Protein backbone atom coordinates (compact mmCIF):
# COMPACT_ATOMS: atom_id res chain seq x y z
CA UNK A 1 11.81 -42.34 -24.24
CA UNK A 2 8.52 -41.24 -25.79
CA UNK A 3 6.84 -41.06 -22.38
CA UNK A 4 9.82 -39.29 -20.85
CA UNK A 5 9.96 -36.76 -23.67
CA UNK A 6 6.26 -36.02 -23.17
CA UNK A 7 6.77 -35.41 -19.45
CA UNK A 8 9.79 -33.20 -20.07
CA UNK A 9 8.07 -31.32 -22.89
CA UNK A 10 5.49 -30.16 -20.36
CA UNK A 11 8.28 -28.34 -18.52
CA UNK A 12 9.04 -27.98 -14.83
CA UNK A 13 12.07 -30.30 -14.89
CA UNK A 14 14.77 -30.28 -12.24
CA UNK A 15 17.88 -32.40 -12.79
CA UNK A 16 20.04 -33.88 -10.05
CA UNK A 17 23.40 -34.76 -11.57
CA UNK A 18 26.16 -36.93 -10.20
CA UNK A 19 29.62 -38.07 -11.26
CA UNK A 20 28.24 -40.21 -14.07
CA UNK A 21 27.39 -37.07 -16.03
CA UNK A 22 31.06 -36.10 -16.24
CA UNK A 23 32.68 -39.46 -16.95
CA UNK A 24 32.42 -38.89 -20.71
CA UNK A 25 34.47 -35.75 -20.14
CA UNK A 26 37.31 -37.84 -18.73
CA UNK A 27 36.53 -37.27 -15.06
CA UNK A 28 36.24 -40.65 -13.31
CA UNK A 29 33.43 -41.37 -10.91
CA UNK A 30 34.01 -42.58 -7.36
CA UNK A 31 31.96 -45.71 -6.76
CA UNK A 32 31.69 -47.24 -10.23
CA UNK A 33 33.56 -50.38 -11.35
CA UNK A 34 36.55 -48.24 -12.34
CA UNK A 35 35.86 -45.47 -9.83
CA UNK A 36 38.53 -43.60 -7.90
CA UNK A 37 37.56 -45.14 -4.57
CA UNK A 38 36.97 -48.58 -6.09
CA UNK A 39 40.53 -48.67 -7.40
CA UNK A 40 42.08 -47.02 -4.35
CA UNK A 41 40.03 -47.14 -1.13
CA UNK A 42 42.71 -45.05 0.63
CA UNK A 43 41.75 -42.17 -1.64
CA UNK A 44 38.53 -41.79 0.35
CA UNK A 45 40.61 -40.21 3.11
CA UNK A 46 41.17 -37.21 0.85
CA UNK A 47 37.43 -36.52 1.06
CA UNK A 48 37.22 -36.91 4.84
CA UNK A 49 37.49 -33.69 6.82
CA UNK A 50 38.70 -35.66 9.85
CA UNK A 51 41.65 -37.18 7.99
CA UNK A 52 42.34 -33.96 6.10
CA UNK A 53 42.68 -31.88 9.25
CA UNK A 54 44.62 -34.46 11.26
CA UNK A 55 47.11 -35.81 8.71
CA UNK A 56 49.56 -33.58 6.82
CA UNK A 57 50.29 -36.45 4.43
CA UNK A 58 46.63 -36.57 3.43
CA UNK A 59 46.68 -32.83 2.76
CA UNK A 60 49.84 -33.06 0.69
CA UNK A 61 48.38 -35.84 -1.40
CA UNK A 62 45.14 -33.86 -1.74
CA UNK A 63 47.02 -30.85 -3.11
CA UNK A 64 48.79 -33.02 -5.66
CA UNK A 65 45.45 -34.49 -6.69
CA UNK A 66 44.02 -30.99 -7.08
CA UNK A 67 47.03 -29.89 -9.08
CA UNK A 68 46.54 -32.71 -11.56
CA UNK A 69 42.74 -32.94 -11.42
CA UNK A 70 41.28 -33.82 -14.84
CA UNK A 71 38.65 -31.10 -14.36
CA UNK A 72 41.20 -28.49 -15.47
CA UNK A 73 41.40 -29.92 -18.99
CA UNK A 74 37.96 -31.55 -19.25
CA UNK A 75 35.38 -30.24 -21.70
CA UNK A 76 31.59 -30.42 -21.34
CA UNK A 77 30.16 -33.49 -23.04
CA UNK A 78 26.85 -34.08 -24.89
CA UNK A 79 25.01 -34.69 -21.60
CA UNK A 80 25.97 -31.26 -20.26
CA UNK A 81 25.01 -29.61 -23.54
CA UNK A 82 21.66 -31.45 -23.65
CA UNK A 83 20.72 -30.08 -20.23
CA UNK A 84 21.60 -26.59 -21.45
CA UNK A 85 19.34 -27.16 -24.48
CA UNK A 86 16.48 -28.11 -22.15
CA UNK A 87 17.11 -25.03 -20.01
CA UNK A 88 17.13 -22.69 -23.01
CA UNK A 89 13.93 -24.28 -24.28
CA UNK A 90 12.26 -23.39 -20.99
CA UNK A 91 11.86 -27.01 -19.88
CA UNK A 92 14.59 -27.20 -17.21
CA UNK A 93 14.28 -24.90 -14.22
CA UNK A 94 17.35 -25.95 -12.23
CA UNK A 95 20.32 -28.28 -12.12
CA UNK A 96 21.23 -29.56 -8.67
CA UNK A 97 24.68 -31.07 -9.00
CA UNK A 98 26.85 -33.17 -6.76
CA UNK A 99 29.77 -32.44 -9.07
CA UNK A 100 32.46 -29.88 -8.31
CA UNK A 101 33.92 -29.57 -11.81
CA UNK A 102 31.94 -26.56 -13.09
CA UNK A 103 31.18 -28.28 -16.40
CA UNK A 104 27.48 -27.37 -16.35
CA UNK A 105 28.38 -23.68 -16.32
CA UNK A 106 31.09 -24.12 -18.93
CA UNK A 107 28.54 -25.82 -21.19
CA UNK A 108 26.46 -22.65 -21.03
CA UNK A 109 24.08 -23.28 -18.14
CA UNK A 110 22.83 -20.18 -16.37
CA UNK A 111 24.98 -20.07 -13.18
CA UNK A 112 21.93 -18.84 -11.27
CA UNK A 113 20.18 -22.12 -12.12
CA UNK A 114 23.06 -24.40 -11.09
CA UNK A 115 22.98 -25.42 -7.43
CA UNK A 116 26.35 -26.88 -6.43
CA UNK A 117 25.47 -29.07 -3.45
CA UNK A 118 29.04 -30.14 -2.77
CA UNK A 119 30.75 -26.85 -3.54
CA UNK A 120 33.30 -26.03 -6.21
CA UNK A 121 36.86 -26.96 -7.06
CA UNK A 122 37.45 -23.53 -8.58
CA UNK A 123 38.10 -21.87 -5.21
CA UNK A 124 39.97 -22.55 -1.99
CA UNK A 125 38.51 -21.93 1.45
CA UNK A 126 40.32 -21.43 4.74
CA UNK A 127 39.09 -23.69 7.52
CA UNK A 128 40.03 -20.96 9.99
CA UNK A 129 38.83 -17.60 8.69
CA UNK A 130 36.68 -18.88 5.77
CA UNK A 131 38.43 -16.62 3.24
CA UNK A 132 38.02 -17.76 -0.36
CA UNK A 133 40.53 -17.33 -3.16
CA UNK A 134 40.78 -18.62 -6.74
CA UNK A 135 42.13 -22.17 -6.78
CA UNK A 136 44.71 -21.43 -9.54
CA UNK A 137 46.43 -18.93 -7.25
CA UNK A 138 46.95 -21.57 -4.58
CA UNK A 139 47.93 -24.27 -7.07
CA UNK A 140 50.66 -21.95 -8.32
CA UNK A 141 52.10 -22.06 -4.80
CA UNK A 142 51.94 -25.86 -4.84
CA UNK A 143 53.71 -25.94 -8.20
CA UNK A 144 56.38 -23.63 -6.77
CA UNK A 145 57.17 -26.14 -4.03
CA UNK A 146 54.75 -25.52 -1.15
CA UNK A 147 53.26 -28.98 -0.47
CA UNK A 148 50.62 -27.81 2.03
CA UNK A 149 49.90 -24.10 1.49
CA UNK A 150 48.45 -22.19 4.41
CA UNK A 151 45.94 -19.35 4.34
CA UNK A 152 47.65 -16.08 3.43
CA UNK A 153 45.34 -14.13 5.73
CA UNK A 154 45.43 -16.12 8.97
CA UNK A 155 47.78 -19.06 8.45
CA UNK A 156 44.96 -21.59 8.76
CA UNK A 157 44.45 -24.82 6.84
CA UNK A 158 43.31 -24.45 3.25
CA UNK A 159 41.22 -26.88 1.25
CA UNK A 160 39.11 -26.73 -1.87
CA UNK A 161 35.75 -25.01 -1.39
CA UNK A 162 34.03 -28.37 -1.51
CA UNK A 163 32.07 -30.33 1.07
CA UNK A 164 34.03 -33.23 2.55
CA UNK A 165 32.59 -36.15 4.47
CA UNK A 166 32.02 -34.97 8.02
CA UNK A 167 31.79 -31.32 7.01
CA UNK A 168 28.61 -29.30 7.40
CA UNK A 169 26.62 -28.57 4.26
CA UNK A 170 25.88 -24.98 3.30
CA UNK A 171 22.36 -24.30 4.59
CA UNK A 172 21.28 -21.76 1.92
CA UNK A 173 22.42 -24.18 -0.79
CA UNK A 174 20.44 -27.02 0.78
CA UNK A 175 17.37 -24.83 1.05
CA UNK A 176 17.66 -23.81 -2.61
CA UNK A 177 17.94 -27.46 -3.66
CA UNK A 178 14.95 -28.50 -1.56
CA UNK A 179 12.90 -25.62 -2.94
CA UNK A 180 13.73 -26.62 -6.51
CA UNK A 181 12.82 -30.25 -5.81
CA UNK A 182 9.52 -29.28 -4.21
CA UNK A 183 8.56 -27.06 -7.12
CA UNK A 184 9.27 -29.38 -10.05
CA UNK A 185 6.98 -31.62 -12.10
CA UNK A 186 9.73 -34.01 -13.19
CA UNK A 187 12.75 -34.86 -11.05
CA UNK A 188 15.50 -36.24 -13.28
CA UNK A 189 18.28 -38.00 -11.35
CA UNK A 190 21.17 -38.54 -13.76
CA UNK A 191 24.47 -40.33 -13.18
CA UNK A 192 24.16 -40.46 -9.43
CA UNK A 193 24.27 -43.51 -7.18
CA UNK A 194 21.71 -41.87 -4.87
CA UNK A 195 23.60 -43.17 -1.85
CA UNK A 196 24.93 -39.87 -0.49
CA UNK A 197 22.63 -37.75 1.65
CA UNK A 198 21.21 -35.18 1.73
CA UNK A 199 21.42 -35.21 -2.10
CA UNK A 200 19.68 -38.58 -2.39
CA UNK A 201 16.89 -37.42 -0.07
CA UNK A 202 15.85 -34.85 -2.66
CA UNK A 203 14.15 -37.73 -4.49
CA UNK A 204 11.81 -38.09 -1.50
CA UNK A 205 11.24 -34.33 -1.39
CA UNK A 206 10.23 -34.28 -5.06
CA UNK A 207 8.02 -37.38 -4.77
CA UNK A 208 6.14 -36.03 -1.76
CA UNK A 209 5.49 -32.83 -3.71
CA UNK A 210 3.96 -34.88 -6.54
CA UNK A 211 6.78 -34.93 -9.10
CA UNK A 212 7.47 -37.77 -11.50
CA UNK A 213 10.84 -39.35 -10.64
CA UNK A 214 13.10 -40.50 -13.48
CA UNK A 215 16.45 -42.19 -12.85
CA UNK A 216 19.05 -42.36 -15.61
CA UNK A 217 21.92 -44.45 -14.29
CA UNK A 218 23.82 -47.53 -15.44
CA UNK A 219 23.73 -49.21 -12.01
CA UNK A 220 20.88 -49.84 -9.62
CA UNK A 221 20.17 -47.23 -6.95
CA UNK A 222 18.34 -47.41 -3.61
CA UNK A 223 15.52 -45.36 -5.16
CA UNK A 224 14.79 -47.57 -8.17
CA UNK A 225 11.74 -49.05 -6.46
CA UNK A 226 10.02 -45.66 -6.20
CA UNK A 227 10.99 -44.27 -9.60
CA UNK A 228 8.32 -43.74 -12.24
CA UNK A 229 10.88 -44.55 -14.95
CA UNK A 230 14.39 -46.01 -14.98
CA UNK A 231 16.72 -45.67 -17.98
CA UNK A 232 19.91 -47.73 -18.12
CA UNK A 233 21.17 -46.52 -21.51
CA UNK A 234 24.37 -44.38 -21.64
CA UNK A 235 23.79 -40.88 -20.31
CA UNK A 236 25.64 -39.31 -23.22
CA UNK A 237 23.08 -40.85 -25.56
CA UNK A 238 19.91 -40.54 -23.47
CA UNK A 239 20.04 -36.83 -22.64
CA UNK A 240 20.74 -35.60 -26.20
CA UNK A 241 17.89 -37.80 -27.50
CA UNK A 242 15.65 -36.45 -24.78
CA UNK A 243 16.56 -32.85 -25.52
CA UNK A 244 15.94 -33.37 -29.24
CA UNK A 245 12.56 -34.97 -28.61
CA UNK A 246 11.36 -32.44 -26.06
CA UNK A 247 12.58 -29.16 -27.57
């Protein structure tokens, strides 16, 4: 922790955050021992654009999951707040997140410094005309009895404005993430399995640009062998200690 605090204190930190950052807020991860997909492999279909488009039952289940998603009642936890502390101290230049829950922004992070690789749950997007609307408006229709609401503009299929498996990533978002990774001195991968690309590949981008790579994750990742430091302690304890030591 002393070495890590010294690196972070020098500034130029970019954090890549995954589901493990939000588990202390009551949002389960996907691949962990008690993860959503571990407990129910069929739930992976909800995150597959192929299944979502082809199967009305998948869409109906997806809307019920969105309606009752724990993100609506979750609160930012000490890990989110610690990253905000680092940002406000001038140490953290960007947060690249795989999460769709918006908790970094709700903790006080500058929205301009949060790069949401996998989109956001807060909006819906039409797969036909690409119109976006606030998610609560569409969930009100689900609550009123519409199990698979269509786009109000063109009648197309609606989904959350998130990136599903098999769906193209947003190019400007990818470019912003790569630019942040290339420009940092310390790349802090927190609570991510580093198995999903292109997010995981940002570790390589940062390493090739000369950054120190730090992984804070309870389980092993495919990038452990190239990390300069690995921390297995709980994220909700590590990040606040780090912020206190480096600010």
